[in-house]
Amino acid sequence: MHKFLKFLTIGLFSLLVSQSIFAAEHGTAQEAEAMVKKAIAYIKSKGPETAYAEFNNTKGSFTDRDLYIFVIDLNGKDLAHGANAKLIGKDFRTLRDVDNKAFIDDILSVAKSKGKGWVDYKWPNPSTKEIEMKSTYFEKAGDVVVACGIYK
């Protein structure tokens, strides 16, 4: 019985350590929301041109592990993207997840009607190369939507 308890204790400890390491590698919902709010404040204080340049900087203050900011206008055009600058200027309304979900349309609809929210979809994780559940937090700020997603 003593060996079983020892094994169980070690197993639980290992599980907790592995989960905390995993969490440290990935952003949380609270961190995504905080980054969006920080980005909106940055746009207001520095102006869009300066802010978008900082958002596009993959080594800048708006990139943290797998968290980054992207900004789209109310028609779905990408204005800034912290993970892939090649996407700037693209129409994101054409994006679909692996289940053909038009998640950008969902983001725009909620942003226009409620001002902020979360949208879930399936998306390739650049770290694992696997399709994973992703959730993006966004807020409407004037005529743009500022967003940051997390992998679940």
C-alpha atoms as a PDB file:
ATOM      1  CA  MET A   1       0.000   0.000   0.000  1.00  0.00           C
ATOM      2  CA  HIS A   2       2.871   2.365   0.855  1.00  0.00           C
ATOM      3  CA  LYS A   3       4.422   1.819  -2.610  1.00  0.00           C
ATOM      4  CA  PHE A   4       1.088   2.538  -4.283  1.00  0.00           C
ATOM      5  CA  LEU A   5       0.698   5.850  -2.393  1.00  0.00           C
ATOM      6  CA  LYS A   6       4.253   6.806  -3.281  1.00  0.00           C
ATOM      7  CA  PHE A   7       3.614   5.992  -6.949  1.00  0.00           C
ATOM      8  CA  LEU A   8       0.339   7.925  -6.896  1.00  0.00           C
ATOM      9  CA  THR A   9       1.990  10.948  -5.275  1.00  0.00           C
ATOM     10  CA  ILE A  10       4.821  10.980  -7.812  1.00  0.00           C
ATOM     11  CA  GLY A  11       2.334  10.589 -10.653  1.00  0.00           C
ATOM     12  CA  LEU A  12       0.179  13.491  -9.482  1.00  0.00           C
ATOM     13  CA  PHE A  13       3.225  15.674  -8.946  1.00  0.00           C
ATOM     14  CA  SER A  14       4.466  14.902 -12.471  1.00  0.00           C
ATOM     15  CA  LEU A  15       1.067  15.762 -13.913  1.00  0.00           C
ATOM     16  CA  LEU A  16       0.958  19.099 -12.090  1.00  0.00           C
ATOM     17  CA  VAL A  17       4.493  19.991 -13.181  1.00  0.00           C
ATOM     18  CA  SER A  18       3.791  19.098 -16.818  1.00  0.00           C
ATOM     19  CA  GLN A  19       0.587  21.168 -16.802  1.00  0.00           C
ATOM     20  CA  SER A  20       2.358  24.186 -15.343  1.00  0.00           C
ATOM     21  CA  ILE A  21       5.116  23.888 -17.962  1.00  0.00           C
ATOM     22  CA  PHE A  22       2.474  23.653 -20.709  1.00  0.00           C
ATOM     23  CA  ALA A  23       0.675  26.696 -19.304  1.00  0.00           C
ATOM     24  CA  ALA A  24       3.925  28.655 -19.217  1.00  0.00           C
ATOM     25  CA  GLU A  25       4.425  27.991 -22.946  1.00  0.00           C
ATOM     26  CA  HIS A  26       0.948  29.168 -23.886  1.00  0.00           C
ATOM     27  CA  GLY A  27      -0.927  32.366 -23.234  1.00  0.00           C
ATOM     28  CA  THR A  28      -4.071  32.371 -21.144  1.00  0.00           C
ATOM     29  CA  ALA A  29      -7.477  33.904 -21.778  1.00  0.00           C
ATOM     30  CA  GLN A  30      -6.756  36.615 -19.212  1.00  0.00           C
ATOM     31  CA  GLU A  31      -3.436  37.430 -20.877  1.00  0.00           C
ATOM     32  CA  ALA A  32      -5.108  37.650 -24.304  1.00  0.00           C
ATOM     33  CA  GLU A  33      -7.734  40.042 -22.970  1.00  0.00           C
ATOM     34  CA  ALA A  34      -5.077  42.159 -21.263  1.00  0.00           C
ATOM     35  CA  MET A  35      -2.998  42.289 -24.455  1.00  0.00           C
ATOM     36  CA  VAL A  36      -6.005  43.481 -26.487  1.00  0.00           C
ATOM     37  CA  LYS A  37      -6.744  46.223 -23.946  1.00  0.00           C
ATOM     38  CA  LYS A  38      -3.056  47.232 -23.921  1.00  0.00           C
ATOM     39  CA  ALA A  39      -3.049  47.324 -27.744  1.00  0.00           C
ATOM     40  CA  ILE A  40      -6.150  49.539 -27.878  1.00  0.00           C
ATOM     41  CA  ALA A  41      -4.581  51.947 -25.388  1.00  0.00           C
ATOM     42  CA  TYR A  42      -1.394  51.940 -27.492  1.00  0.00           C
ATOM     43  CA  ILE A  43      -3.360  52.802 -30.659  1.00  0.00           C
ATOM     44  CA  LYS A  44      -5.033  55.695 -28.816  1.00  0.00           C
ATOM     45  CA  SER A  45      -1.767  57.053 -27.411  1.00  0.00           C
ATOM     46  CA  LYS A  46       0.592  56.502 -30.387  1.00  0.00           C
ATOM     47  CA  GLY A  47      -1.762  56.490 -33.361  1.00  0.00           C
ATOM     48  CA  PRO A  48      -2.512  53.631 -35.731  1.00  0.00           C
ATOM     49  CA  GLU A  49       0.613  53.867 -37.889  1.00  0.00           C
ATOM     50  CA  THR A  50       3.040  53.600 -34.969  1.00  0.00           C
ATOM     51  CA  ALA A  51       0.887  51.032 -33.177  1.00  0.00           C
ATOM     52  CA  TYR A  52       0.500  48.743 -36.189  1.00  0.00           C
ATOM     53  CA  ALA A  53       4.250  48.824 -36.793  1.00  0.00           C
ATOM     54  CA  GLU A  54       4.804  47.684 -33.204  1.00  0.00           C
ATOM     55  CA  PHE A  55       2.102  44.988 -33.495  1.00  0.00           C
ATOM     56  CA  ASN A  56       3.827  43.669 -36.654  1.00  0.00           C
ATOM     57  CA  ASN A  57       7.176  43.409 -34.839  1.00  0.00           C
ATOM     58  CA  THR A  58       7.515  39.724 -33.939  1.00  0.00           C
ATOM     59  CA  LYS A  59      10.062  40.670 -31.268  1.00  0.00           C
ATOM     60  CA  GLY A  60       8.059  43.642 -29.992  1.00  0.00           C
ATOM     61  CA  SER A  61       6.029  44.266 -26.877  1.00  0.00           C
ATOM     62  CA  PHE A  62       2.829  42.803 -28.373  1.00  0.00           C
ATOM     63  CA  THR A  63       4.187  39.300 -28.930  1.00  0.00           C
ATOM     64  CA  ASP A  64       4.404  36.920 -25.971  1.00  0.00           C
ATOM     65  CA  ARG A  65       4.892  33.181 -26.520  1.00  0.00           C
ATOM     66  CA  ASP A  66       1.950  32.197 -28.745  1.00  0.00           C
ATOM     67  CA  LEU A  67       0.074  35.461 -28.118  1.00  0.00           C
ATOM     68  CA  TYR A  68       0.114  38.231 -30.700  1.00  0.00           C
ATOM     69  CA  ILE A  69      -2.132  41.046 -31.824  1.00  0.00           C
ATOM     70  CA  PHE A  70      -3.915  41.279 -35.133  1.00  0.00           C
ATOM     71  CA  VAL A  71      -6.091  44.152 -36.310  1.00  0.00           C
ATOM     72  CA  ILE A  72      -8.790  44.057 -38.978  1.00  0.00           C
ATOM     73  CA  ASP A  73     -11.045  46.776 -40.294  1.00  0.00           C
ATOM     74  CA  LEU A  74     -14.818  46.362 -40.163  1.00  0.00           C
ATOM     75  CA  ASN A  75     -14.776  44.829 -43.658  1.00  0.00           C
ATOM     76  CA  GLY A  76     -12.300  42.102 -42.648  1.00  0.00           C
ATOM     77  CA  LYS A  77      -9.140  43.573 -44.166  1.00  0.00           C
ATOM     78  CA  ASP A  78      -6.037  42.779 -42.101  1.00  0.00           C
ATOM     79  CA  LEU A  79      -4.227  45.947 -41.009  1.00  0.00           C
ATOM     80  CA  ALA A  80      -1.648  44.446 -38.624  1.00  0.00           C
ATOM     81  CA  HIS A  81      -0.543  40.923 -37.788  1.00  0.00           C
ATOM     82  CA  GLY A  82       1.986  40.024 -35.123  1.00  0.00           C
ATOM     83  CA  ALA A  83       2.698  36.509 -36.379  1.00  0.00           C
ATOM     84  CA  ASN A  84       2.803  36.928 -40.157  1.00  0.00           C
ATOM     85  CA  ALA A  85       3.342  40.295 -41.848  1.00  0.00           C
ATOM     86  CA  LYS A  86       2.556  38.687 -45.242  1.00  0.00           C
ATOM     87  CA  LEU A  87      -1.112  38.683 -44.202  1.00  0.00           C
ATOM     88  CA  ILE A  88      -1.324  42.465 -43.969  1.00  0.00           C
ATOM     89  CA  GLY A  89      -3.762  43.796 -46.560  1.00  0.00           C
ATOM     90  CA  LYS A  90      -5.482  40.423 -47.046  1.00  0.00           C
ATOM     91  CA  ASP A  91      -9.249  39.988 -46.805  1.00  0.00           C
ATOM     92  CA  PHE A  92      -9.683  37.780 -43.745  1.00  0.00           C
ATOM     93  CA  ARG A  93     -13.376  37.166 -44.478  1.00  0.00           C
ATOM     94  CA  THR A  94     -12.215  34.467 -46.893  1.00  0.00           C
ATOM     95  CA  LEU A  95     -10.530  32.521 -44.069  1.00  0.00           C
ATOM     96  CA  ARG A  96     -12.208  29.294 -42.981  1.00  0.00           C
ATOM     97  CA  ASP A  97     -11.207  26.835 -40.307  1.00  0.00           C
ATOM     98  CA  VAL A  98     -10.925  23.091 -40.988  1.00  0.00           C
ATOM     99  CA  ASP A  99     -14.690  22.732 -40.489  1.00  0.00           C
ATOM    100  CA  ASN A 100     -15.319  25.530 -43.041  1.00  0.00           C
ATOM    101  CA  LYS A 101     -16.362  27.929 -40.258  1.00  0.00           C
ATOM    102  CA  ALA A 102     -16.186  31.575 -41.360  1.00  0.00           C
ATOM    103  CA  PHE A 103     -14.830  32.693 -37.990  1.00  0.00           C
ATOM    104  CA  ILE A 104     -13.810  36.183 -39.122  1.00  0.00           C
ATOM    105  CA  ASP A 105     -17.431  36.827 -40.113  1.00  0.00           C
ATOM    106  CA  ASP A 106     -18.389  35.725 -36.588  1.00  0.00           C
ATOM    107  CA  ILE A 107     -15.800  38.061 -35.059  1.00  0.00           C
ATOM    108  CA  LEU A 108     -17.004  40.992 -37.150  1.00  0.00           C
ATOM    109  CA  SER A 109     -20.669  40.295 -36.385  1.00  0.00           C
ATOM    110  CA  VAL A 110     -20.127  40.145 -32.622  1.00  0.00           C
ATOM    111  CA  ALA A 111     -17.778  43.145 -32.662  1.00  0.00           C
ATOM    112  CA  LYS A 112     -20.347  45.247 -34.507  1.00  0.00           C
ATOM    113  CA  SER A 113     -23.274  44.164 -32.318  1.00  0.00           C
ATOM    114  CA  LYS A 114     -21.716  43.763 -28.854  1.00  0.00           C
ATOM    115  CA  GLY A 115     -18.339  45.511 -29.113  1.00  0.00           C
ATOM    116  CA  LYS A 116     -16.290  42.576 -27.834  1.00  0.00           C
ATOM    117  CA  GLY A 117     -16.310  38.841 -27.310  1.00  0.00           C
ATOM    118  CA  TRP A 118     -14.738  35.442 -27.931  1.00  0.00           C
ATOM    119  CA  VAL A 119     -14.997  33.212 -31.002  1.00  0.00           C
ATOM    120  CA  ASP A 120     -13.877  29.565 -31.078  1.00  0.00           C
ATOM    121  CA  TYR A 121     -12.573  27.735 -34.142  1.00  0.00           C
ATOM    122  CA  LYS A 122     -10.025  25.111 -35.180  1.00  0.00           C
ATOM    123  CA  TRP A 123      -6.688  26.361 -36.453  1.00  0.00           C
ATOM    124  CA  PRO A 124      -3.169  25.015 -37.096  1.00  0.00           C
ATOM    125  CA  ASN A 125      -0.885  25.662 -34.141  1.00  0.00           C
ATOM    126  CA  PRO A 126       2.433  26.921 -35.571  1.00  0.00           C
ATOM    127  CA  SER A 127       4.320  25.329 -32.656  1.00  0.00           C
ATOM    128  CA  THR A 128       2.853  21.824 -32.853  1.00  0.00           C
ATOM    129  CA  LYS A 129       1.776  21.835 -36.528  1.00  0.00           C
ATOM    130  CA  GLU A 130      -1.463  20.198 -35.324  1.00  0.00           C
ATOM    131  CA  ILE A 131      -5.031  21.433 -35.787  1.00  0.00           C
ATOM    132  CA  GLU A 132      -6.119  22.655 -32.353  1.00  0.00           C
ATOM    133  CA  MET A 133      -9.027  24.491 -30.798  1.00  0.00           C
ATOM    134  CA  LYS A 134      -8.354  28.194 -30.772  1.00  0.00           C
ATOM    135  CA  SER A 135     -10.315  30.984 -29.158  1.00  0.00           C
ATOM    136  CA  THR A 136      -9.860  34.614 -30.124  1.00  0.00           C
ATOM    137  CA  TYR A 137     -10.722  37.561 -27.908  1.00  0.00           C
ATOM    138  CA  PHE A 138     -11.489  40.838 -29.675  1.00  0.00           C
ATOM    139  CA  GLU A 139     -12.735  44.330 -29.066  1.00  0.00           C
ATOM    140  CA  LYS A 140     -14.050  46.925 -31.474  1.00  0.00           C
ATOM    141  CA  ALA A 141     -12.067  50.150 -31.190  1.00  0.00           C
ATOM    142  CA  GLY A 142     -13.465  52.824 -33.471  1.00  0.00           C
ATOM    143  CA  ASP A 143     -13.439  51.456 -37.007  1.00  0.00           C
ATOM    144  CA  VAL A 144     -11.169  48.477 -36.308  1.00  0.00           C
ATOM    145  CA  VAL A 145     -11.239  45.214 -34.381  1.00  0.00           C
ATOM    146  CA  VAL A 146      -8.230  44.389 -32.216  1.00  0.00           C
ATOM    147  CA  ALA A 147      -7.775  40.692 -31.469  1.00  0.00           C
ATOM    148  CA  CYS A 148      -5.578  38.118 -29.752  1.00  0.00           C
ATOM    149  CA  GLY A 149      -6.091  34.345 -29.788  1.00  0.00           C
ATOM    150  CA  ILE A 150      -5.180  31.471 -27.502  1.00  0.00           C
ATOM    151  CA  TYR A 151      -4.814  27.751 -28.141  1.00  0.00           C
ATOM    152  CA  LYS A 152      -6.945  25.688 -25.791  1.00  0.00           C
END
